[in-house]
Amino acid sequence: MSMFCYQCQEAAKGTGCTVKGVCGKSEDVAKLQDLMIYTLKGIALIAQECKKAGIKFSNANHFIMNGLFMTITNANFDEGAFIEKIKEGIALREEMKEELKNKGIVLNDLHDVATWTADTDFAIKAKADSVQVGVLATENEDIRSLRELITYGLKGMAAYAEHAYNLGKESEEIYEFISKALVATLDDTLSADDLVALTLETGKYGVDVMAMLDAANTGAYGNPEITEVNIGVRNNPAILISGHDLKDLEQLLEQTKGTGVDVYTHGEMLPAHYYPAFKKYDHFVGNYGNAWWKQKEEFETFNGPILFTTNCIVPPKPEHIERIYTTGSTGYPGCKHIEADENGKKDFSEIIEHAKKLDPPKEIETGKIIGGFAHEQVFALADKIVDAIKSGAIKKFFVMAGCDGRMKSRSYYTEFAKKLPKDTVILTAGCAKYRYNKLDLGDIGGIPRVLDAGQCNDSYSLAVIALKLKEIFELNDINELPIAYNIAWYEQKAVIVLLALLYLGVKNIKLGPTLPAFLSPNVAKVLVDTFGINGINSVDEDLEQFLG
């Protein structure tokens, strides 16, 4: 096989992509992503030795964070970007080793991750072809499964940590855990039980990183509030911004003020409309389109340029490439990449001038969608919600957070939402909501039946809400609440959200539309037996199970 990747829900044949990624990444990019992770493990190993010696390399923490984020599904398809990043990583690792040497510390018998080197693109590609670099280098399938589960959790953790870092928040504890966990995946003395424990510890730090990002977002932009978001268009040239990074959005909005260029959100950027700080921009006019996987057709009708701030890129049509800009950890060959300066500022003048030369977006739908039900907003409605639960007006909440994707089987989530009894409420976060957030599901005593907390990282809000209800009703166990979990997953940020929920003690989660290919039968059995995780069936069967 020319490559092997099974990190996302759409892994070919439910086992893994072996020729080209279903996501669209090439064999070479897939192998370079594996080598990127391999390189990060070497940096993490040396970083641990530096910590013991009292040497601080904060840039190593940032490099590991960014490198992990680059390898998330649909984030970066640019072969050249990975080659340059790997070269930078080797140089950083050697600098760290030199600092240790200057203190009289010479490391012997190091793992290959900390010693391999290459000074040409060809040599890097040759190393990426090496059997020892890829996922299948771990022969025992259970150990491999757990190592990859941890690694994918770390990728999601790094994504959220980078967003927080962009807003001035970071945590040494989280950085240290990421390094520790990366190094642990090299340790052949660790048993499956050891790695299961590390998996739950990864969930613990998943909670921490989402709490940190929540504090960063709300500290900068206020607590989300109930908001109606327009899904129609105006007759002005416009920029479409996708992804998750609110700092990028803020800078774009500041730089487009007074230019005559409107800004629309796409996909996971929709919840930006819920933050009070962004409501002062009268050219921040609405959301265009749906979840990430529909972007090819929606970019066709949008007409203006598109800015990707994080993952969610679908390989574009050739005629769209000149309209696509990337920034942060994203990248695609032929697309203009916008870098931040040393102060974190990005110059969006080129994309703004580009927008002025293009037609306004074509209207593809009209109306409004409502959201903004993050934890503080829900707490403000707590009395109303508690009364509705006590009176029986609300019988059950269904957490339907997570990701959307291309598979036709995901129509399950639309049908499930439609068939839910009228005395139930959906709690959602992430792009999974696009399967039902435009349905007219009504309300219960003025409480909408779909409460959207925000982006995938705002699944943290849903956990906080559940813990608050547990406190209000004086329950001993979060699983005693009238809350069921029917979660859709796609990529690695969903993995860290899942691990966070498991760490918090949530049980009996339905996970779909398929269980992860990276779970070996034995590891899947552990999750089923310990936490009650199970896959989806038909809508009617699952409703009977949930409501029975």
Protein backbone atom coordinates (compact mmCIF):
# COMPACT_ATOMS: atom_id res chain seq x y z
CA MET A 1 0.00 0.00 0.00
CA SER A 2 1.24 3.49 -0.83
CA MET A 3 -0.18 5.19 2.31
CA PHE A 4 -2.30 4.36 5.31
CA CYS A 5 -4.58 6.77 7.13
CA TYR A 6 -7.67 6.03 9.20
CA GLN A 7 -7.96 9.11 11.38
CA CYS A 8 -11.34 10.36 10.11
CA GLN A 9 -14.85 8.94 9.91
CA GLU A 10 -14.72 8.61 6.13
CA ALA A 11 -11.75 6.21 6.11
CA ALA A 12 -12.07 4.17 2.90
CA LYS A 13 -14.17 1.00 3.29
CA GLY A 14 -14.34 1.71 7.01
CA THR A 15 -10.77 0.48 7.44
CA GLY A 16 -8.37 3.12 6.08
CA CYS A 17 -7.28 5.06 3.02
CA THR A 18 -4.45 3.30 1.18
CA VAL A 19 -4.14 5.07 -2.19
CA LYS A 20 -5.50 8.57 -1.66
CA GLY A 21 -7.38 10.14 1.20
CA VAL A 22 -11.16 10.36 0.89
CA CYS A 23 -10.53 13.88 2.20
CA GLY A 24 -8.53 14.53 -0.98
CA LYS A 25 -4.99 14.48 0.39
CA SER A 26 -2.39 12.83 -1.81
CA GLU A 27 -0.19 9.89 -0.92
CA ASP A 28 2.81 12.22 -0.51
CA VAL A 29 0.94 14.61 1.79
CA ALA A 30 -0.36 11.70 3.89
CA LYS A 31 3.17 10.37 4.36
CA LEU A 32 4.53 13.84 5.15
CA GLN A 33 1.82 14.26 7.78
CA ASP A 34 2.97 10.99 9.35
CA LEU A 35 6.55 12.29 9.28
CA MET A 36 5.38 15.56 10.84
CA ILE A 37 3.96 13.62 13.80
CA TYR A 38 7.14 11.52 13.97
CA THR A 39 9.21 14.71 14.09
CA LEU A 40 7.00 16.21 16.79
CA LYS A 41 7.54 13.12 18.95
CA GLY A 42 11.29 13.71 18.69
CA ILE A 43 10.91 17.35 19.70
CA ALA A 44 8.65 16.32 22.59
CA LEU A 45 11.22 13.77 23.77
CA ILE A 46 14.03 16.35 23.80
CA ALA A 47 11.69 18.95 25.34
CA GLN A 48 11.17 16.63 28.31
CA GLU A 49 14.92 16.35 28.77
CA CYS A 50 15.22 20.15 28.58
CA LYS A 51 12.54 20.52 31.27
CA LYS A 52 14.49 18.19 33.57
CA ALA A 53 17.57 20.33 33.00
CA GLY A 54 15.73 23.59 33.66
CA ILE A 55 15.95 24.76 30.05
CA LYS A 56 12.81 26.44 28.75
CA PHE A 57 11.89 26.26 25.08
CA SER A 58 8.44 27.85 24.76
CA ASN A 59 8.82 27.87 20.98
CA ALA A 60 8.98 24.06 21.13
CA ASN A 61 5.54 24.01 22.75
CA HIS A 62 4.14 26.31 20.09
CA PHE A 63 5.78 24.31 17.31
CA ILE A 64 4.30 21.04 18.56
CA MET A 65 0.86 22.65 18.92
CA ASN A 66 0.92 24.07 15.40
CA GLY A 67 2.42 20.93 13.87
CA LEU A 68 -0.31 18.74 15.34
CA PHE A 69 -2.99 21.12 14.10
CA MET A 70 -1.60 21.06 10.56
CA THR A 71 -2.20 17.30 10.35
CA ILE A 72 -5.89 17.41 11.28
CA THR A 73 -8.22 16.18 8.55
CA ASN A 74 -8.98 18.86 5.93
CA ALA A 75 -6.55 21.41 7.37
CA ASN A 76 -3.50 21.43 5.13
CA PHE A 77 -2.97 19.80 1.74
CA ASP A 78 0.24 21.66 0.87
CA GLU A 79 3.21 19.31 0.44
CA GLY A 80 5.67 22.19 0.42
CA ALA A 81 4.31 23.56 3.71
CA PHE A 82 4.93 20.23 5.43
CA ILE A 83 8.45 19.90 4.05
CA GLU A 84 9.38 23.36 5.30
CA LYS A 85 7.73 22.73 8.67
CA ILE A 86 9.62 19.45 9.09
CA LYS A 87 12.92 21.18 8.27
CA GLU A 88 12.10 23.81 10.87
CA GLY A 89 11.32 21.06 13.37
CA ILE A 90 14.63 19.29 12.82
CA ALA A 91 16.50 22.57 13.29
CA LEU A 92 14.59 23.29 16.51
CA ARG A 93 15.25 19.81 17.85
CA GLU A 94 18.99 20.11 17.16
CA GLU A 95 19.08 23.54 18.81
CA MET A 96 17.52 22.03 21.92
CA LYS A 97 20.03 19.19 21.94
CA GLU A 98 22.85 21.71 21.63
CA GLU A 99 21.55 23.60 24.67
CA LEU A 100 21.60 20.36 26.63
CA LYS A 101 25.13 19.67 25.43
CA ASN A 102 26.21 23.13 26.61
CA LYS A 103 25.04 22.12 30.07
CA GLY A 104 27.11 18.97 29.88
CA ILE A 105 24.13 16.73 29.13
CA VAL A 106 24.71 14.30 26.27
CA LEU A 107 21.80 12.02 25.48
CA ASN A 108 22.68 8.48 24.44
CA ASP A 109 20.62 5.68 22.91
CA LEU A 110 17.91 8.04 21.73
CA HIS A 111 14.94 6.86 19.71
CA ASP A 112 15.21 7.51 15.98
CA VAL A 113 12.53 10.24 16.28
CA ALA A 114 15.14 12.37 18.08
CA THR A 115 18.12 11.62 15.84
CA TRP A 116 16.99 11.34 12.23
CA THR A 117 17.88 14.27 10.01
CA ALA A 118 17.59 15.43 6.41
CA ASP A 119 18.72 18.55 4.63
CA THR A 120 16.94 18.24 1.28
CA ASP A 121 13.35 17.84 0.14
CA PHE A 122 14.29 14.51 -1.43
CA ALA A 123 15.75 13.19 1.84
CA ILE A 124 12.62 14.24 3.74
CA LYS A 125 10.38 12.45 1.23
CA ALA A 126 12.60 9.37 1.47
CA LYS A 127 12.20 9.38 5.25
CA ALA A 128 8.44 9.83 4.88
CA ASP A 129 8.44 6.61 2.81
CA SER A 130 10.07 4.72 5.68
CA VAL A 131 7.99 1.93 7.22
CA GLN A 132 8.94 3.04 10.74
CA VAL A 133 7.31 6.45 10.32
CA GLY A 134 3.69 5.56 9.61
CA VAL A 135 0.76 4.37 11.68
CA LEU A 136 1.42 0.71 10.89
CA ALA A 137 4.89 0.85 12.46
CA THR A 138 3.20 -0.38 15.65
CA GLU A 139 2.53 -4.05 14.97
CA ASN A 140 0.17 -4.94 17.84
CA GLU A 141 -3.23 -3.70 16.69
CA ASP A 142 -4.53 -2.93 20.19
CA ILE A 143 -1.46 -0.92 21.17
CA ARG A 144 -1.59 0.79 17.76
CA SER A 145 -5.28 1.58 18.25
CA LEU A 146 -4.72 3.17 21.65
CA ARG A 147 -1.64 5.10 20.51
CA GLU A 148 -3.57 6.53 17.59
CA LEU A 149 -6.63 7.30 19.73
CA ILE A 150 -4.37 9.31 22.06
CA THR A 151 -2.58 11.00 19.15
CA TYR A 152 -5.85 12.02 17.50
CA GLY A 153 -7.07 13.39 20.83
CA LEU A 154 -3.86 15.43 21.03
CA LYS A 155 -4.48 16.80 17.55
CA GLY A 156 -7.89 18.08 18.64
CA MET A 157 -6.42 19.43 21.85
CA ALA A 158 -3.73 21.29 19.90
CA ALA A 159 -6.34 22.88 17.63
CA TYR A 160 -8.22 24.32 20.59
CA ALA A 161 -4.99 25.34 22.30
CA GLU A 162 -3.92 27.26 19.19
CA HIS A 163 -7.19 29.21 19.07
CA ALA A 164 -6.75 30.13 22.74
CA TYR A 165 -3.11 31.06 22.15
CA ASN A 166 -4.15 33.40 19.35
CA LEU A 167 -6.24 35.24 21.96
CA GLY A 168 -3.42 35.38 24.52
CA LYS A 169 -4.31 32.32 26.61
CA GLU A 170 -2.04 29.31 27.09
CA SER A 171 -1.26 26.64 29.67
CA GLU A 172 2.11 25.10 30.51
CA GLU A 173 0.29 22.11 31.99
CA ILE A 174 -1.45 21.42 28.69
CA TYR A 175 1.79 21.82 26.74
CA GLU A 176 3.59 19.48 29.13
CA PHE A 177 0.85 16.88 28.86
CA ILE A 178 0.93 16.96 25.06
CA SER A 179 4.69 16.32 25.11
CA LYS A 180 4.34 13.60 27.74
CA ALA A 181 1.60 11.83 25.80
CA LEU A 182 3.48 12.03 22.49
CA VAL A 183 6.55 10.47 24.11
CA ALA A 184 4.38 7.79 25.74
CA THR A 185 3.33 6.57 22.30
CA LEU A 186 6.98 5.56 21.78
CA ASP A 187 7.19 3.53 24.98
CA ASP A 188 6.97 -0.19 24.26
CA THR A 189 6.87 -1.01 27.98
CA LEU A 190 3.40 0.51 28.35
CA SER A 191 0.59 -2.03 28.39
CA ALA A 192 -2.88 -1.63 26.92
CA ASP A 193 -4.16 -0.84 30.41
CA ASP A 194 -1.52 1.90 30.77
CA LEU A 195 -2.60 3.41 27.48
CA VAL A 196 -6.29 3.24 28.42
CA ALA A 197 -5.43 5.26 31.54
CA LEU A 198 -3.51 7.75 29.38
CA THR A 199 -6.51 7.98 27.06
CA LEU A 200 -8.72 9.09 29.96
CA GLU A 201 -6.03 11.53 31.08
CA THR A 202 -6.12 12.94 27.56
CA GLY A 203 -9.85 13.50 28.13
CA LYS A 204 -9.07 15.36 31.35
CA TYR A 205 -6.82 17.78 29.50
CA GLY A 206 -9.44 17.98 26.77
CA VAL A 207 -11.83 19.47 29.35
CA ASP A 208 -9.08 21.85 30.47
CA VAL A 209 -8.24 23.06 26.97
CA MET A 210 -11.88 23.66 26.08
CA ALA A 211 -12.37 25.58 29.33
CA MET A 212 -9.32 27.68 28.47
CA LEU A 213 -10.62 28.40 24.97
CA ASP A 214 -14.06 29.24 26.34
CA ALA A 215 -12.44 31.76 28.71
CA ALA A 216 -10.38 33.18 25.84
CA ASN A 217 -13.37 33.58 23.52
CA THR A 218 -15.76 35.02 26.12
CA GLY A 219 -13.04 37.18 27.66
CA ALA A 220 -12.34 38.77 24.28
CA TYR A 221 -15.82 38.90 22.76
CA GLY A 222 -18.36 38.48 25.60
CA ASN A 223 -20.70 35.60 26.38
CA PRO A 224 -22.76 34.37 23.43
CA GLU A 225 -26.37 35.52 23.51
CA ILE A 226 -29.53 34.47 21.73
CA THR A 227 -29.20 35.70 18.16
CA GLU A 228 -31.09 35.42 14.89
CA VAL A 229 -28.66 35.06 11.98
CA ASN A 230 -29.66 36.08 8.47
CA ILE A 231 -29.06 33.44 5.77
CA GLY A 232 -29.94 35.67 2.84
CA VAL A 233 -27.58 38.14 1.10
CA ARG A 234 -27.10 41.84 0.36
CA ASN A 235 -26.05 43.37 -2.95
CA ASN A 236 -22.46 44.19 -1.97
CA PRO A 237 -19.15 42.50 -2.79
CA ALA A 238 -18.26 40.15 0.01
CA ILE A 239 -15.76 37.82 1.69
CA LEU A 240 -16.74 34.41 3.04
CA ILE A 241 -14.84 33.32 6.16
CA SER A 242 -14.73 29.67 7.16
CA GLY A 243 -13.21 27.67 10.00
CA HIS A 244 -13.06 28.43 13.71
CA ASP A 245 -10.57 31.18 14.55
CA LEU A 246 -12.33 34.22 16.01
CA LYS A 247 -9.17 36.32 16.14
CA ASP A 248 -8.86 36.03 12.36
CA LEU A 249 -12.49 37.08 12.01
CA GLU A 250 -11.96 40.10 14.27
CA GLN A 251 -8.99 41.28 12.23
CA LEU A 252 -10.88 40.79 8.96
CA LEU A 253 -13.89 42.74 10.26
CA GLU A 254 -11.68 45.59 11.45
CA GLN A 255 -9.89 45.81 8.11
CA THR A 256 -13.10 45.66 6.04
CA LYS A 257 -14.80 48.52 7.93
CA GLY A 258 -15.78 51.28 5.53
CA THR A 259 -14.60 49.40 2.43
CA GLY A 260 -18.03 48.51 1.09
CA VAL A 261 -17.18 44.81 1.46
CA ASP A 262 -19.53 42.60 3.47
CA VAL A 263 -18.40 39.58 5.51
CA TYR A 264 -20.35 36.32 5.73
CA THR A 265 -19.62 33.22 7.79
CA HIS A 266 -19.56 29.68 6.48
CA GLY A 267 -19.70 26.33 8.30
CA GLU A 268 -18.21 26.39 11.79
CA MET A 269 -17.79 30.18 11.81
CA LEU A 270 -21.58 30.65 12.08
CA PRO A 271 -21.52 30.93 15.93
CA ALA A 272 -19.34 34.04 15.72
CA HIS A 273 -22.61 35.92 15.21
CA TYR A 274 -23.63 35.04 18.77
CA TYR A 275 -20.79 37.04 20.40
CA PRO A 276 -21.74 40.60 21.44
CA ALA A 277 -18.43 42.12 20.32
CA PHE A 278 -19.05 41.26 16.67
CA LYS A 279 -22.50 42.86 16.55
CA LYS A 280 -21.04 46.35 16.21
CA TYR A 281 -19.93 45.58 12.65
CA ASP A 282 -22.82 46.48 10.35
CA HIS A 283 -21.05 44.78 7.43
CA PHE A 284 -20.99 41.44 9.27
CA VAL A 285 -24.25 40.47 7.66
CA GLY A 286 -25.01 36.76 7.96
CA ASN A 287 -24.18 33.13 7.26
CA TYR A 288 -23.91 31.74 3.74
CA GLY A 289 -24.60 28.10 3.04
CA ASN A 290 -24.23 25.01 5.15
CA ALA A 291 -21.62 22.62 6.53
CA TRP A 292 -18.09 22.32 5.12
CA TRP A 293 -18.76 19.48 2.69
CA LYS A 294 -21.12 21.56 0.54
CA GLN A 295 -18.54 24.23 -0.14
CA LYS A 296 -17.78 23.37 -3.78
CA GLU A 297 -21.28 24.25 -4.93
CA GLU A 298 -21.67 27.12 -2.44
CA PHE A 299 -18.33 28.73 -3.36
CA GLU A 300 -19.56 28.70 -6.96
CA THR A 301 -22.55 30.91 -6.10
CA PHE A 302 -20.86 33.04 -3.46
CA ASN A 303 -18.74 34.72 -6.18
CA GLY A 304 -16.37 36.48 -3.74
CA PRO A 305 -13.10 35.31 -2.15
CA ILE A 306 -13.03 32.77 0.67
CA LEU A 307 -10.75 32.82 3.73
CA PHE A 308 -9.98 29.53 5.48
CA THR A 309 -8.85 30.06 9.07
CA THR A 310 -8.72 26.39 10.12
CA ASN A 311 -9.54 22.93 8.85
CA CYS A 312 -12.65 22.24 6.75
CA ILE A 313 -11.06 22.60 3.30
CA VAL A 314 -12.42 20.44 0.50
CA PRO A 315 -10.00 20.32 -2.46
CA PRO A 316 -11.47 23.11 -4.60
CA LYS A 317 -12.38 23.20 -8.25
CA PRO A 318 -9.41 24.56 -10.25
CA GLU A 319 -11.42 27.65 -11.22
CA HIS A 320 -11.97 28.49 -7.53
CA ILE A 321 -8.35 28.31 -6.38
CA GLU A 322 -7.57 31.93 -7.19
CA ARG A 323 -10.44 33.01 -4.91
CA ILE A 324 -9.29 30.94 -1.94
CA TYR A 325 -6.97 32.27 0.76
CA THR A 326 -5.59 30.31 3.71
CA THR A 327 -4.11 31.35 7.02
CA GLY A 328 -2.92 29.78 10.28
CA SER A 329 -2.47 26.01 10.10
CA THR A 330 -4.32 25.66 6.81
CA GLY A 331 -2.89 25.39 3.34
CA TYR A 332 -3.68 24.28 -0.19
CA PRO A 333 -1.35 24.27 -3.23
CA GLY A 334 -1.85 27.34 -5.40
CA CYS A 335 -3.86 29.26 -2.80
CA LYS A 336 -2.53 32.49 -1.30
CA HIS A 337 -1.41 31.97 2.31
CA ILE A 338 -1.59 34.93 4.69
CA GLU A 339 0.96 34.85 7.51
CA ALA A 340 0.82 36.77 10.76
CA ASP A 341 3.59 39.21 11.61
CA GLU A 342 5.62 38.96 14.82
CA ASN A 343 2.79 40.67 16.71
CA GLY A 344 0.14 38.29 15.41
CA LYS A 345 -1.36 40.83 13.00
CA LYS A 346 -2.47 39.69 9.56
CA ASP A 347 -2.76 41.90 6.51
CA PHE A 348 -5.99 41.11 4.68
CA SER A 349 -5.73 43.98 2.20
CA GLU A 350 -5.18 41.66 -0.77
CA ILE A 351 -8.34 39.62 -0.18
CA ILE A 352 -10.32 42.83 0.45
CA GLU A 353 -9.19 44.38 -2.84
CA HIS A 354 -9.92 41.08 -4.57
CA ALA A 355 -13.48 41.10 -3.21
CA LYS A 356 -14.13 44.58 -4.61
CA LYS A 357 -13.50 43.28 -8.14
CA LEU A 358 -15.98 40.40 -7.91
CA ASP A 359 -19.77 40.10 -8.06
CA PRO A 360 -21.88 40.04 -4.89
CA PRO A 361 -22.98 36.63 -3.66
CA LYS A 362 -25.96 34.94 -5.26
CA GLU A 363 -28.80 34.27 -2.86
CA ILE A 364 -29.34 30.52 -2.31
CA GLU A 365 -31.81 30.70 0.61
CA THR A 366 -33.61 33.20 2.80
CA GLY A 367 -34.68 33.41 6.40
CA LYS A 368 -32.97 33.27 9.78
CA ILE A 369 -31.52 30.66 12.10
CA ILE A 370 -31.31 31.09 15.85
CA GLY A 371 -28.42 30.23 18.16
CA GLY A 372 -26.34 31.52 21.03
CA PHE A 373 -27.26 29.01 23.74
CA ALA A 374 -23.86 28.67 25.38
CA HIS A 375 -23.67 28.00 29.12
CA GLU A 376 -24.16 31.56 30.43
CA GLN A 377 -27.18 32.15 28.21
CA VAL A 378 -28.70 28.83 29.27
CA PHE A 379 -27.98 29.63 32.93
CA ALA A 380 -29.96 32.84 32.42
CA LEU A 381 -32.88 30.64 31.34
CA ALA A 382 -32.27 28.09 34.09
CA ASP A 383 -35.44 28.77 36.07
CA LYS A 384 -37.57 28.47 32.96
CA ILE A 385 -35.84 25.25 31.90
CA VAL A 386 -36.03 23.69 35.38
CA ASP A 387 -39.72 24.52 35.61
CA ALA A 388 -40.29 22.94 32.20
CA ILE A 389 -38.51 19.78 33.33
CA LYS A 390 -40.41 19.61 36.63
CA SER A 391 -43.76 20.17 34.93
CA GLY A 392 -43.03 17.50 32.34
CA ALA A 393 -43.14 20.00 29.44
CA ILE A 394 -39.57 18.93 28.67
CA LYS A 395 -39.17 15.18 29.08
CA LYS A 396 -35.64 14.77 27.71
CA PHE A 397 -32.65 16.56 26.19
CA PHE A 398 -30.73 15.06 23.32
CA VAL A 399 -27.12 16.12 22.89
CA MET A 400 -26.57 15.96 19.12
CA ALA A 401 -23.23 17.71 18.93
CA GLY A 402 -20.31 16.91 16.65
CA CYS A 403 -19.51 17.00 12.96
CA ASP A 404 -21.28 16.81 9.64
CA GLY A 405 -19.93 14.96 6.64
CA ARG A 406 -20.59 13.76 3.11
CA MET A 407 -21.96 10.27 3.76
CA LYS A 408 -25.60 9.82 2.72
CA SER A 409 -26.11 7.86 5.94
CA ARG A 410 -25.87 11.17 7.83
CA SER A 411 -29.45 11.88 6.76
CA TYR A 412 -30.13 9.73 9.84
CA TYR A 413 -29.56 12.81 12.01
CA THR A 414 -32.13 14.89 10.12
CA GLU A 415 -34.70 12.10 10.35
CA PHE A 416 -33.87 11.56 14.04
CA ALA A 417 -34.44 15.27 14.81
CA LYS A 418 -37.75 15.26 12.90
CA LYS A 419 -39.01 12.17 14.72
CA LEU A 420 -38.10 13.29 18.23
CA PRO A 421 -41.21 13.78 20.42
CA LYS A 422 -42.37 17.38 20.78
CA ASP A 423 -41.49 17.34 24.49
CA THR A 424 -37.76 16.92 23.81
CA VAL A 425 -35.02 19.49 23.19
CA ILE A 426 -31.84 19.15 21.11
CA LEU A 427 -28.58 20.52 22.56
CA THR A 428 -26.04 20.96 19.80
CA ALA A 429 -22.60 22.33 18.96
CA GLY A 430 -20.37 21.86 15.93
CA CYS A 431 -21.37 21.58 12.29
CA ALA A 432 -23.60 18.54 12.97
CA LYS A 433 -26.34 21.13 13.57
CA TYR A 434 -26.62 21.83 9.84
CA ARG A 435 -28.56 18.56 9.57
CA TYR A 436 -31.49 20.09 11.49
CA ASN A 437 -30.92 23.75 12.44
CA LYS A 438 -33.08 25.00 9.56
CA LEU A 439 -35.99 22.72 10.37
CA ASP A 440 -39.09 24.23 11.95
CA LEU A 441 -39.15 22.15 15.13
CA GLY A 442 -40.99 24.76 17.19
CA ASP A 443 -40.47 25.55 20.86
CA ILE A 444 -41.57 24.50 24.34
CA GLY A 445 -42.94 27.42 26.31
CA GLY A 446 -40.73 29.82 24.37
CA ILE A 447 -37.63 27.59 24.62
CA PRO A 448 -36.52 26.64 21.08
CA ARG A 449 -36.30 22.89 20.53
CA VAL A 450 -32.81 23.28 19.03
CA LEU A 451 -30.37 25.02 21.38
CA ASP A 452 -27.14 25.73 19.53
CA ALA A 453 -24.18 26.36 21.86
CA GLY A 454 -21.73 27.15 19.07
CA GLN A 455 -18.66 25.55 17.50
CA CYS A 456 -17.39 22.01 18.17
CA ASN A 457 -15.23 23.28 21.05
CA ASP A 458 -18.42 24.68 22.60
CA SER A 459 -19.41 21.11 23.39
CA TYR A 460 -17.72 22.20 26.61
CA SER A 461 -20.77 24.42 27.18
CA LEU A 462 -23.04 21.40 26.91
CA ALA A 463 -20.99 19.59 29.56
CA VAL A 464 -21.11 22.64 31.84
CA ILE A 465 -24.89 22.86 31.37
CA ALA A 466 -25.27 19.17 32.26
CA LEU A 467 -23.12 19.57 35.37
CA LYS A 468 -25.19 22.62 36.40
CA LEU A 469 -28.45 20.67 36.03
CA LYS A 470 -26.91 17.82 38.06
CA GLU A 471 -26.21 20.36 40.81
CA ILE A 472 -29.67 21.94 40.63
CA PHE A 473 -31.43 18.60 40.87
CA GLU A 474 -28.99 17.39 43.55
CA LEU A 475 -28.08 14.22 41.67
CA ASN A 476 -25.08 12.01 42.41
CA ASP A 477 -24.40 11.00 38.82
CA ILE A 478 -24.49 13.03 35.60
CA ASN A 479 -26.07 9.99 33.93
CA GLU A 480 -29.19 10.35 36.11
CA LEU A 481 -30.16 13.48 34.19
CA PRO A 482 -32.82 13.26 31.44
CA ILE A 483 -30.08 13.75 28.84
CA ALA A 484 -29.23 11.31 26.02
CA TYR A 485 -26.18 11.53 23.76
CA ASN A 486 -26.40 10.87 20.03
CA ILE A 487 -23.18 12.31 18.65
CA ALA A 488 -21.90 12.49 15.08
CA TRP A 489 -18.16 12.55 14.56
CA TYR A 490 -15.87 13.22 11.62
CA GLU A 491 -12.35 14.28 12.63
CA GLN A 492 -9.92 14.67 15.50
CA LYS A 493 -11.51 17.61 17.31
CA ALA A 494 -14.51 15.34 17.78
CA VAL A 495 -12.15 12.75 19.26
CA ILE A 496 -10.98 15.08 22.03
CA VAL A 497 -14.60 16.11 22.73
CA LEU A 498 -15.54 12.43 23.07
CA LEU A 499 -12.59 11.73 25.39
CA ALA A 500 -13.55 14.78 27.47
CA LEU A 501 -17.11 13.45 27.88
CA LEU A 502 -15.78 10.05 28.92
CA TYR A 503 -13.49 11.69 31.47
CA LEU A 504 -16.52 13.54 32.90
CA GLY A 505 -18.24 10.20 33.38
CA VAL A 506 -20.84 10.42 30.61
CA LYS A 507 -22.00 6.95 29.57
CA ASN A 508 -24.12 5.30 26.88
CA ILE A 509 -23.12 7.65 24.08
CA LYS A 510 -24.28 6.69 20.61
CA LEU A 511 -21.53 7.49 18.11
CA GLY A 512 -22.10 7.58 14.38
CA PRO A 513 -22.59 7.33 11.56
CA THR A 514 -19.88 4.66 11.98
CA LEU A 515 -17.51 3.80 14.80
CA PRO A 516 -13.89 4.91 14.25
CA ALA A 517 -11.79 2.65 12.03
CA PHE A 518 -8.86 3.16 14.39
CA LEU A 519 -10.61 1.28 17.19
CA SER A 520 -9.44 -2.33 17.18
CA PRO A 521 -12.10 -4.89 18.21
CA ASN A 522 -10.55 -5.23 21.67
CA VAL A 523 -10.29 -1.47 22.25
CA ALA A 524 -13.84 -0.98 20.99
CA LYS A 525 -14.96 -3.66 23.47
CA VAL A 526 -13.29 -1.76 26.33
CA LEU A 527 -15.21 1.39 25.36
CA VAL A 528 -18.47 -0.54 25.07
CA ASP A 529 -18.05 -2.45 28.34
CA THR A 530 -16.70 0.48 30.38
CA PHE A 531 -18.62 3.44 28.98
CA GLY A 532 -21.53 1.94 27.05
CA ILE A 533 -20.46 3.52 23.76
CA ASN A 534 -22.38 2.04 20.85
CA GLY A 535 -23.07 2.73 17.22
CA ILE A 536 -26.29 3.92 15.63
CA ASN A 537 -29.02 1.67 14.21
CA SER A 538 -32.19 2.77 12.47
CA VAL A 539 -33.83 5.96 13.72
CA ASP A 540 -36.84 4.06 15.04
CA GLU A 541 -34.70 1.50 16.86
CA ASP A 542 -32.56 4.19 18.46
CA LEU A 543 -35.55 6.28 19.51
CA GLU A 544 -37.08 3.22 21.14
CA GLN A 545 -33.80 2.58 22.98
CA PHE A 546 -33.44 6.21 24.11
CA LEU A 547 -37.07 6.70 25.12
CA GLY A 548 -37.94 3.22 26.37
